[in-house]
Amino acid sequence: MRLGFSSKGVLSILFALYLCSYLLVNVSWIREICAFLFFGTAILIYIANKIVRIKTYFLLEFLFLIYGSLQLMAGIPTDAVASYKRLMIIATLFFINVGTFCYILYVNNFDRIIRVFTKTVLFSSVFLTFNFYKSILQDGRLTASDSSLSLLGPFWGGISSTGLSAIISISFSFYYINYYQKENKLKFNFITILHIVLLILTGSRKVLLLVLVVMICVPFFNDKRAKVVKIIKYSLFAFMCLGGGYYIFMKVPYLYNAWGSRLESVVLFFTRGTIDDASIEARVGLISIAKQAYSEKPIFGWGLDNFVSVFTHGGYYAHNNFWELLSTCGLVGFTIYYSRYLFLFKSLFNIRKQSGFSEKAVINSYIIVFLISVVMEYWQVTYFYSTIMVCFVLMIGHVEQLKQANKENDIFLPDSKKVVGIDRENSPLLH
């Protein structure tokens, strides 16, 4: 009896298993095995099918890994053990990212990738919501990092509310962008609302901006009406969302306790410079310490993960990706790390020029998500979190797929050396 599993189907199962292990399981070796099975299989299948198109993005990521190794060999880190452990995490992340890219190119169906990604994230998040419902009752927000609150025992959980909210917001963004005009409206609205409810339960403030902007920009970029009309319409919509949302969060008791009071603190901080929130106060203090650490060793830094071990004595990260990297890797490491961000940004703009209307709407939305993600790094450390960095890998994978599709749809005229591209939106050849 044939089970009918294809290599693409097996890879999708392994991808879902890897995501589930990182979101649901509080045992590191299980996570590592699932990650190894996924990226090892993806890379081997990729090589076996001779799809050799590793992008500069990953070469720059590998260069950052080499830089961290050179730091260690040169004796720069004060705490060499901490640097070595962080280096191993970054190395694993590198292979996971390459494996995800190989998976995207081999399957060659981005809608399928996003569907697997979204289903896995939503299933895992709903499971965590029921398993850790005590954290919602106790703290007013979903937290899966405290094993004592797990209904099914300490085996489950392990992911922070920040990490969980980040991957839910990434799932929401890619689903909303890619299925806005493809999905059945009832199903689309249900999945959208489910994402938003789960994000509200996590209580993370940072993702609010991303969700709101995506819900405004995606319809805007998919609207073919005159730009002036579009700008007026979606500006009014944005104003109503901001005003209405803020009012609801201030007036509903549960929402005020979970979100409203914390949003109020953010508004006071940015408008008056007032700090009345412990989280904001801690972040401001940690960033200040990171700036001081950078000023002492500005070129090569203190070594990977040494901000935690040297300056906060095993306590906290800088809660700011820019200053975390500047303090630990110096200006040299910071430049190497963010060079791949510049490459991704350039790739998005380049493919945008070659795209039809619907594809351009997707790429424009990606650019907005990319910019917001970079801005959000001012309030969180992201460089070693696979569940956060997957956002950029999905983008670069989709860009590469669109490039290949554009090449396949080029027509070479027999009496000319000029390549004439097909307009995907209007060409009768594609309808």
Protein backbone atom coordinates (compact mmCIF):
# COMPACT_ATOMS: atom_id res chain seq x y z
CA MET A 1 0.00 0.00 0.00
CA ARG A 2 1.44 3.37 -1.08
CA LEU A 3 1.14 6.22 1.39
CA GLY A 4 1.60 8.82 -1.34
CA PHE A 5 4.16 10.94 0.51
CA SER A 6 6.23 13.10 -1.83
CA SER A 7 9.58 14.63 -0.91
CA LYS A 8 7.83 18.03 -0.83
CA GLY A 9 5.21 16.65 1.54
CA VAL A 10 7.89 15.15 3.81
CA LEU A 11 9.72 18.49 3.91
CA SER A 12 6.49 20.28 4.84
CA ILE A 13 5.91 17.81 7.68
CA LEU A 14 9.47 18.28 8.94
CA PHE A 15 9.10 22.08 8.70
CA ALA A 16 5.88 21.93 10.75
CA LEU A 17 7.50 19.56 13.25
CA TYR A 18 10.47 21.90 13.68
CA LEU A 19 8.16 24.89 14.30
CA CYS A 20 6.02 22.90 16.75
CA SER A 21 9.08 21.80 18.70
CA TYR A 22 10.30 25.38 19.15
CA LEU A 23 6.86 26.67 20.08
CA LEU A 24 5.54 23.81 22.21
CA VAL A 25 8.32 21.69 23.71
CA ASN A 26 10.33 22.73 26.75
CA VAL A 27 13.17 20.24 26.08
CA SER A 28 16.19 21.63 24.20
CA TRP A 29 17.47 18.33 22.73
CA ILE A 30 14.08 17.59 21.14
CA ARG A 31 14.10 21.04 19.54
CA GLU A 32 17.63 20.45 18.25
CA ILE A 33 16.77 17.04 16.76
CA CYS A 34 13.68 18.42 15.00
CA ALA A 35 15.68 21.37 13.66
CA PHE A 36 18.47 19.05 12.44
CA LEU A 37 15.99 16.71 10.72
CA PHE A 38 14.38 19.63 8.93
CA PHE A 39 17.40 21.61 7.75
CA GLY A 40 19.50 18.49 7.09
CA THR A 41 16.81 16.94 4.88
CA ALA A 42 16.05 20.25 3.13
CA ILE A 43 19.70 20.93 2.30
CA LEU A 44 20.33 17.36 1.09
CA ILE A 45 17.28 17.39 -1.19
CA TYR A 46 18.29 20.84 -2.42
CA ILE A 47 21.79 19.61 -3.31
CA ALA A 48 20.51 16.36 -4.85
CA ASN A 49 18.27 18.33 -7.21
CA LYS A 50 21.15 20.68 -8.12
CA ILE A 51 19.25 23.82 -7.14
CA VAL A 52 22.44 25.75 -6.36
CA ARG A 53 21.21 29.30 -5.73
CA ILE A 54 22.42 30.23 -2.25
CA LYS A 55 21.98 33.98 -1.95
CA THR A 56 24.38 36.68 -0.79
CA TYR A 57 22.06 37.13 2.21
CA PHE A 58 23.22 33.79 3.66
CA LEU A 59 26.87 34.37 2.76
CA LEU A 60 26.70 37.59 4.81
CA GLU A 61 25.05 35.65 7.64
CA PHE A 62 27.88 33.11 7.45
CA LEU A 63 30.42 35.97 7.50
CA PHE A 64 28.92 37.15 10.81
CA LEU A 65 29.34 33.60 12.14
CA ILE A 66 33.00 33.67 11.05
CA TYR A 67 33.46 37.03 12.78
CA GLY A 68 32.12 35.61 16.05
CA SER A 69 34.54 32.69 15.73
CA LEU A 70 37.47 35.05 15.15
CA GLN A 71 36.45 37.05 18.23
CA LEU A 72 36.63 33.86 20.26
CA MET A 73 39.99 32.76 18.82
CA ALA A 74 41.47 36.22 19.38
CA GLY A 75 40.55 36.08 23.07
CA ILE A 76 38.28 39.15 22.91
CA PRO A 77 35.38 37.82 25.05
CA THR A 78 35.74 38.20 28.80
CA ASP A 79 33.44 35.22 29.20
CA ALA A 80 34.57 32.81 26.47
CA VAL A 81 32.09 30.09 27.50
CA ALA A 82 29.12 32.43 27.05
CA SER A 83 30.44 33.49 23.63
CA TYR A 84 30.95 29.88 22.54
CA LYS A 85 27.38 28.92 23.53
CA ARG A 86 25.94 31.92 21.69
CA LEU A 87 28.09 31.07 18.65
CA MET A 88 26.63 27.54 18.58
CA ILE A 89 23.09 28.97 18.68
CA ILE A 90 23.91 31.34 15.80
CA ALA A 91 25.43 28.45 13.82
CA THR A 92 22.26 26.38 14.31
CA LEU A 93 20.17 29.39 13.28
CA PHE A 94 22.27 29.77 10.13
CA PHE A 95 21.58 26.17 9.08
CA ILE A 96 17.88 26.53 9.92
CA ASN A 97 17.68 29.66 7.77
CA VAL A 98 19.49 28.00 4.85
CA GLY A 99 17.27 24.92 5.25
CA THR A 100 14.13 27.08 5.17
CA PHE A 101 15.39 28.82 2.02
CA CYS A 102 16.11 25.44 0.37
CA TYR A 103 12.63 24.24 1.37
CA ILE A 104 11.00 27.32 -0.20
CA LEU A 105 12.88 26.92 -3.49
CA TYR A 106 12.38 23.15 -3.72
CA VAL A 107 8.63 23.23 -3.03
CA ASN A 108 8.34 26.21 -5.42
CA ASN A 109 4.88 27.10 -4.17
CA PHE A 110 4.95 30.00 -1.74
CA ASP A 111 1.22 29.84 -1.00
CA ARG A 112 1.73 26.27 0.19
CA ILE A 113 4.65 27.33 2.40
CA ILE A 114 2.60 30.09 4.03
CA ARG A 115 -0.35 27.77 4.56
CA VAL A 116 1.85 25.22 6.36
CA PHE A 117 3.49 28.00 8.38
CA THR A 118 0.18 29.63 9.37
CA LYS A 119 -1.57 26.38 10.29
CA THR A 120 1.38 25.27 12.44
CA VAL A 121 1.68 28.59 14.27
CA LEU A 122 -2.06 28.83 14.92
CA PHE A 123 -2.35 25.21 16.08
CA SER A 124 0.61 25.65 18.44
CA SER A 125 -0.65 28.98 19.76
CA VAL A 126 -4.16 27.67 20.45
CA PHE A 127 -2.65 24.64 22.19
CA LEU A 128 -0.50 26.91 24.38
CA THR A 129 -3.53 29.09 25.16
CA PHE A 130 -5.44 26.13 26.61
CA ASN A 131 -2.40 24.58 28.29
CA PHE A 132 -1.31 27.85 29.93
CA TYR A 133 -4.71 29.40 30.60
CA LYS A 134 -3.64 29.87 34.25
CA SER A 135 -1.08 32.46 33.15
CA ILE A 136 -3.88 34.47 31.52
CA LEU A 137 -5.96 34.36 34.71
CA GLN A 138 -2.95 35.09 36.92
CA ASP A 139 -1.04 37.73 34.90
CA GLY A 140 -3.61 38.90 32.37
CA ARG A 141 -1.47 37.66 29.45
CA LEU A 142 -0.47 34.36 27.88
CA THR A 143 2.96 33.27 29.11
CA ALA A 144 4.27 29.81 28.21
CA SER A 145 7.72 30.14 29.78
CA ASP A 146 6.70 29.17 33.34
CA SER A 147 6.44 25.35 33.38
CA SER A 148 4.64 25.42 36.76
CA LEU A 149 1.60 26.92 35.00
CA SER A 150 1.41 24.16 32.38
CA LEU A 151 -1.80 22.14 32.62
CA LEU A 152 -0.12 19.11 31.00
CA GLY A 153 3.19 19.21 32.86
CA PRO A 154 6.67 20.74 32.48
CA PHE A 155 7.36 19.02 29.12
CA TRP A 156 5.32 21.70 27.31
CA GLY A 157 6.01 25.40 26.78
CA GLY A 158 9.30 27.21 27.19
CA ILE A 159 8.67 30.07 24.76
CA SER A 160 8.35 33.62 26.11
CA SER A 161 5.32 35.80 25.46
CA THR A 162 7.58 38.09 23.38
CA GLY A 163 8.77 35.21 21.19
CA LEU A 164 5.24 33.85 20.86
CA SER A 165 3.75 37.24 19.95
CA ALA A 166 6.54 37.77 17.40
CA ILE A 167 5.91 34.56 15.47
CA ILE A 168 2.12 35.01 15.61
CA SER A 169 2.54 38.51 14.16
CA ILE A 170 4.82 37.13 11.42
CA SER A 171 2.25 34.42 10.61
CA PHE A 172 -0.48 37.06 10.52
CA SER A 173 1.54 39.37 8.25
CA PHE A 174 2.46 36.76 5.65
CA TYR A 175 -1.01 35.24 5.63
CA TYR A 176 -2.73 38.64 5.33
CA ILE A 177 -0.36 39.83 2.58
CA ASN A 178 -0.44 36.66 0.46
CA TYR A 179 -4.09 35.62 0.92
CA TYR A 180 -5.85 39.00 0.99
CA GLN A 181 -7.36 38.47 -2.46
CA LYS A 182 -7.06 34.67 -2.73
CA GLU A 183 -8.86 33.24 0.29
CA ASN A 184 -12.58 32.76 0.84
CA LYS A 185 -13.65 35.92 2.73
CA LEU A 186 -15.30 34.05 5.61
CA LYS A 187 -12.24 31.85 6.12
CA PHE A 188 -9.90 34.81 5.67
CA ASN A 189 -11.72 36.89 8.29
CA PHE A 190 -11.84 33.98 10.74
CA ILE A 191 -8.09 33.33 10.48
CA THR A 192 -7.36 37.07 10.74
CA ILE A 193 -9.49 37.45 13.88
CA LEU A 194 -7.94 34.32 15.42
CA HIS A 195 -4.46 35.82 14.94
CA ILE A 196 -5.53 39.10 16.54
CA VAL A 197 -7.18 37.39 19.53
CA LEU A 198 -4.04 35.33 20.15
CA LEU A 199 -1.87 38.45 19.90
CA ILE A 200 -4.07 40.28 22.40
CA LEU A 201 -3.72 37.35 24.81
CA THR A 202 0.09 37.58 24.67
CA GLY A 203 -0.11 41.20 25.83
CA SER A 204 2.90 42.33 23.77
CA ARG A 205 2.74 46.02 22.77
CA LYS A 206 5.32 45.96 19.98
CA VAL A 207 3.27 43.83 17.57
CA LEU A 208 0.29 46.21 17.65
CA LEU A 209 2.04 48.60 15.27
CA LEU A 210 2.86 45.81 12.81
CA VAL A 211 -0.68 44.38 12.79
CA LEU A 212 -2.32 47.79 12.36
CA VAL A 213 -0.01 48.89 9.54
CA VAL A 214 -0.37 45.57 7.67
CA MET A 215 -4.18 45.77 7.86
CA ILE A 216 -4.05 49.29 6.37
CA CYS A 217 -1.24 48.90 3.82
CA VAL A 218 -2.31 45.61 2.23
CA PRO A 219 -5.76 46.90 1.13
CA PHE A 220 -4.10 50.19 0.10
CA PHE A 221 -1.55 48.49 -2.15
CA ASN A 222 -4.21 46.20 -3.65
CA ASP A 223 -6.57 49.09 -4.44
CA LYS A 224 -6.33 50.20 -8.10
CA ARG A 225 -8.10 53.52 -7.64
CA ALA A 226 -6.40 56.93 -7.94
CA LYS A 227 -3.72 57.54 -5.31
CA VAL A 228 -5.39 60.65 -3.84
CA VAL A 229 -8.64 58.77 -3.21
CA LYS A 230 -6.72 55.86 -1.71
CA ILE A 231 -4.69 58.09 0.60
CA ILE A 232 -7.78 59.88 1.92
CA LYS A 233 -9.72 56.64 2.41
CA TYR A 234 -6.99 54.72 4.23
CA SER A 235 -5.85 57.73 6.27
CA LEU A 236 -9.39 58.00 7.65
CA PHE A 237 -9.43 54.24 8.25
CA ALA A 238 -6.11 54.44 10.11
CA PHE A 239 -7.35 57.33 12.26
CA MET A 240 -10.53 55.43 13.15
CA CYS A 241 -8.57 52.26 13.99
CA LEU A 242 -6.12 54.12 16.21
CA GLY A 243 -8.77 56.17 17.98
CA GLY A 244 -11.29 53.33 18.33
CA GLY A 245 -8.68 50.79 19.38
CA TYR A 246 -7.18 53.10 22.00
CA TYR A 247 -10.64 53.88 23.40
CA ILE A 248 -11.56 50.19 23.67
CA PHE A 249 -8.26 49.30 25.36
CA MET A 250 -8.78 52.12 27.87
CA LYS A 251 -12.41 51.27 28.71
CA VAL A 252 -12.61 47.44 28.78
CA PRO A 253 -11.22 46.30 32.20
CA TYR A 254 -9.46 43.14 30.96
CA LEU A 255 -7.97 44.89 27.93
CA TYR A 256 -6.88 47.82 30.09
CA ASN A 257 -5.06 45.54 32.53
CA ALA A 258 -3.42 43.50 29.77
CA TRP A 259 -2.79 46.26 27.21
CA GLY A 260 -4.34 49.65 28.01
CA SER A 261 -2.23 50.61 31.00
CA ARG A 262 0.92 49.57 29.15
CA LEU A 263 -0.09 51.46 25.99
CA GLU A 264 -0.75 54.49 28.18
CA SER A 265 2.82 54.21 29.51
CA VAL A 266 4.20 54.08 25.96
CA VAL A 267 2.24 57.20 24.97
CA LEU A 268 3.46 59.06 28.08
CA PHE A 269 7.07 57.99 27.41
CA PHE A 270 7.11 59.22 23.80
CA THR A 271 5.06 62.39 24.36
CA ARG A 272 6.32 63.60 27.76
CA GLY A 273 9.38 61.49 28.49
CA THR A 274 7.62 60.11 31.58
CA ILE A 275 8.60 56.61 32.72
CA ASP A 276 5.92 54.96 34.86
CA ASP A 277 6.29 51.39 33.59
CA ALA A 278 8.81 48.89 34.97
CA SER A 279 9.40 47.33 31.55
CA ILE A 280 10.18 50.68 29.89
CA GLU A 281 12.36 51.73 32.81
CA ALA A 282 14.36 48.47 32.57
CA ARG A 283 14.83 48.86 28.82
CA VAL A 284 16.01 52.47 29.10
CA GLY A 285 18.47 51.46 31.83
CA LEU A 286 19.82 48.47 29.87
CA ILE A 287 20.27 50.53 26.70
CA SER A 288 22.21 53.09 28.73
CA ILE A 289 24.51 50.34 30.06
CA ALA A 290 24.99 48.96 26.52
CA LYS A 291 25.98 52.42 25.26
CA GLN A 292 28.58 52.65 28.00
CA ALA A 293 29.89 49.15 27.16
CA TYR A 294 30.19 50.13 23.48
CA SER A 295 32.09 53.31 24.31
CA GLU A 296 34.74 51.22 26.11
CA LYS A 297 35.32 48.78 23.20
CA PRO A 298 33.82 50.39 20.07
CA ILE A 299 35.70 48.51 17.32
CA PHE A 300 35.42 44.78 18.15
CA GLY A 301 33.14 44.81 21.21
CA TRP A 302 33.21 42.62 24.31
CA GLY A 303 32.37 39.32 22.59
CA LEU A 304 29.11 37.57 21.77
CA ASP A 305 26.69 37.37 24.72
CA ASN A 306 29.14 39.16 27.02
CA PHE A 307 26.74 42.00 27.71
CA VAL A 308 24.66 39.54 29.73
CA SER A 309 27.54 37.79 31.49
CA VAL A 310 29.77 40.84 32.12
CA PHE A 311 27.43 43.81 32.56
CA THR A 312 24.21 42.32 33.95
CA HIS A 313 25.84 39.22 35.49
CA GLY A 314 23.63 36.66 33.79
CA GLY A 315 20.54 38.83 34.02
CA TYR A 316 19.20 40.65 30.99
CA TYR A 317 20.05 41.40 27.37
CA ALA A 318 20.18 45.02 26.24
CA HIS A 319 16.56 44.69 24.98
CA ASN A 320 17.79 46.54 21.89
CA ASN A 321 19.28 44.64 18.96
CA PHE A 322 21.36 47.60 17.77
CA TRP A 323 23.08 48.29 21.11
CA GLU A 324 23.34 44.60 21.98
CA LEU A 325 25.35 44.02 18.79
CA LEU A 326 27.37 47.24 19.10
CA SER A 327 28.37 46.40 22.68
CA THR A 328 29.19 42.72 22.03
CA CYS A 329 30.43 42.77 18.43
CA GLY A 330 31.62 46.35 18.04
CA LEU A 331 31.23 48.48 14.94
CA VAL A 332 32.84 45.79 12.77
CA GLY A 333 30.40 43.04 13.78
CA PHE A 334 27.45 45.44 13.69
CA THR A 335 28.28 46.40 10.09
CA ILE A 336 28.68 42.77 9.00
CA TYR A 337 25.40 41.76 10.65
CA TYR A 338 23.26 44.55 9.18
CA SER A 339 24.79 44.28 5.71
CA ARG A 340 22.41 41.42 4.97
CA TYR A 341 19.47 43.64 5.93
CA LEU A 342 20.65 46.10 3.27
CA PHE A 343 20.90 43.24 0.77
CA LEU A 344 17.32 42.13 1.53
CA PHE A 345 16.04 45.70 1.24
CA LYS A 346 17.78 46.11 -2.13
CA SER A 347 16.41 42.74 -3.33
CA LEU A 348 12.85 43.77 -2.46
CA PHE A 349 13.20 47.02 -4.40
CA ASN A 350 14.75 45.30 -7.41
CA ILE A 351 12.03 42.65 -7.72
CA ARG A 352 9.39 45.35 -7.23
CA LYS A 353 10.51 47.00 -10.48
CA GLN A 354 9.96 43.73 -12.40
CA SER A 355 6.54 42.88 -10.92
CA GLY A 356 2.97 43.25 -12.10
CA PHE A 357 0.31 45.00 -10.01
CA SER A 358 -0.63 42.12 -7.68
CA GLU A 359 2.98 41.05 -7.11
CA LYS A 360 4.00 44.66 -6.52
CA ALA A 361 1.29 44.92 -3.86
CA VAL A 362 2.87 41.94 -2.07
CA ILE A 363 6.41 43.35 -2.34
CA ASN A 364 5.30 46.81 -1.16
CA SER A 365 3.75 45.14 1.89
CA TYR A 366 6.96 43.20 2.51
CA ILE A 367 8.95 46.44 2.43
CA ILE A 368 6.64 47.94 5.07
CA VAL A 369 6.90 44.81 7.26
CA PHE A 370 10.69 44.86 6.85
CA LEU A 371 10.96 48.52 7.92
CA ILE A 372 8.67 48.03 10.93
CA SER A 373 10.62 44.92 11.97
CA VAL A 374 13.85 46.92 11.91
CA VAL A 375 12.26 49.71 13.96
CA MET A 376 10.98 47.14 16.48
CA GLU A 377 14.56 45.93 16.99
CA TYR A 378 15.13 49.08 19.03
CA TRP A 379 13.05 47.44 21.77
CA GLN A 380 14.05 43.78 21.45
CA VAL A 381 17.04 41.53 20.75
CA THR A 382 16.40 39.37 17.67
CA TYR A 383 19.69 38.22 16.15
CA PHE A 384 19.67 34.70 17.62
CA TYR A 385 15.92 33.93 17.61
CA SER A 386 15.01 31.54 14.77
CA THR A 387 11.28 32.12 15.27
CA ILE A 388 11.79 35.86 14.63
CA MET A 389 14.45 35.79 11.90
CA VAL A 390 12.26 33.43 9.82
CA CYS A 391 10.43 36.59 8.68
CA PHE A 392 13.39 37.74 6.56
CA VAL A 393 14.11 34.22 5.27
CA LEU A 394 10.52 33.93 4.00
CA MET A 395 10.94 37.26 2.22
CA ILE A 396 14.23 36.39 0.51
CA GLY A 397 12.81 32.98 -0.47
CA HIS A 398 9.73 34.56 -2.04
CA VAL A 399 11.87 37.15 -3.85
CA GLU A 400 13.99 34.34 -5.35
CA GLN A 401 10.85 32.48 -6.47
CA LEU A 402 9.50 35.60 -8.16
CA LYS A 403 12.83 36.11 -9.94
CA GLN A 404 12.73 32.58 -11.31
CA ALA A 405 9.10 33.03 -12.39
CA ASN A 406 10.00 36.24 -14.22
CA LYS A 407 12.82 34.45 -16.07
CA GLU A 408 10.52 31.59 -17.07
CA ASN A 409 7.94 34.04 -18.45
CA ASP A 410 10.43 35.93 -20.64
CA ILE A 411 9.93 35.43 -24.40
CA PHE A 412 12.97 35.47 -26.70
CA LEU A 413 12.04 36.77 -30.13
CA PRO A 414 13.85 34.78 -32.90
CA ASP A 415 14.79 37.89 -34.89
CA SER A 416 16.04 39.94 -31.97
CA LYS A 417 18.39 39.66 -29.04
CA LYS A 418 16.07 41.74 -26.91
CA VAL A 419 14.07 40.04 -24.17
CA VAL A 420 10.45 41.03 -23.95
CA GLY A 421 8.80 40.44 -20.59
CA ILE A 422 5.16 39.48 -20.22
CA ASP A 423 2.81 41.76 -18.31
CA ARG A 424 1.26 39.19 -15.97
CA GLU A 425 -1.80 41.28 -15.25
CA ASN A 426 -2.84 41.97 -18.87
CA SER A 427 -1.23 39.38 -21.15
CA PRO A 428 -3.72 37.04 -22.91
CA LEU A 429 -1.01 34.35 -22.89
CA LEU A 430 -1.51 33.86 -19.16
CA HIS A 431 -5.30 33.88 -19.12
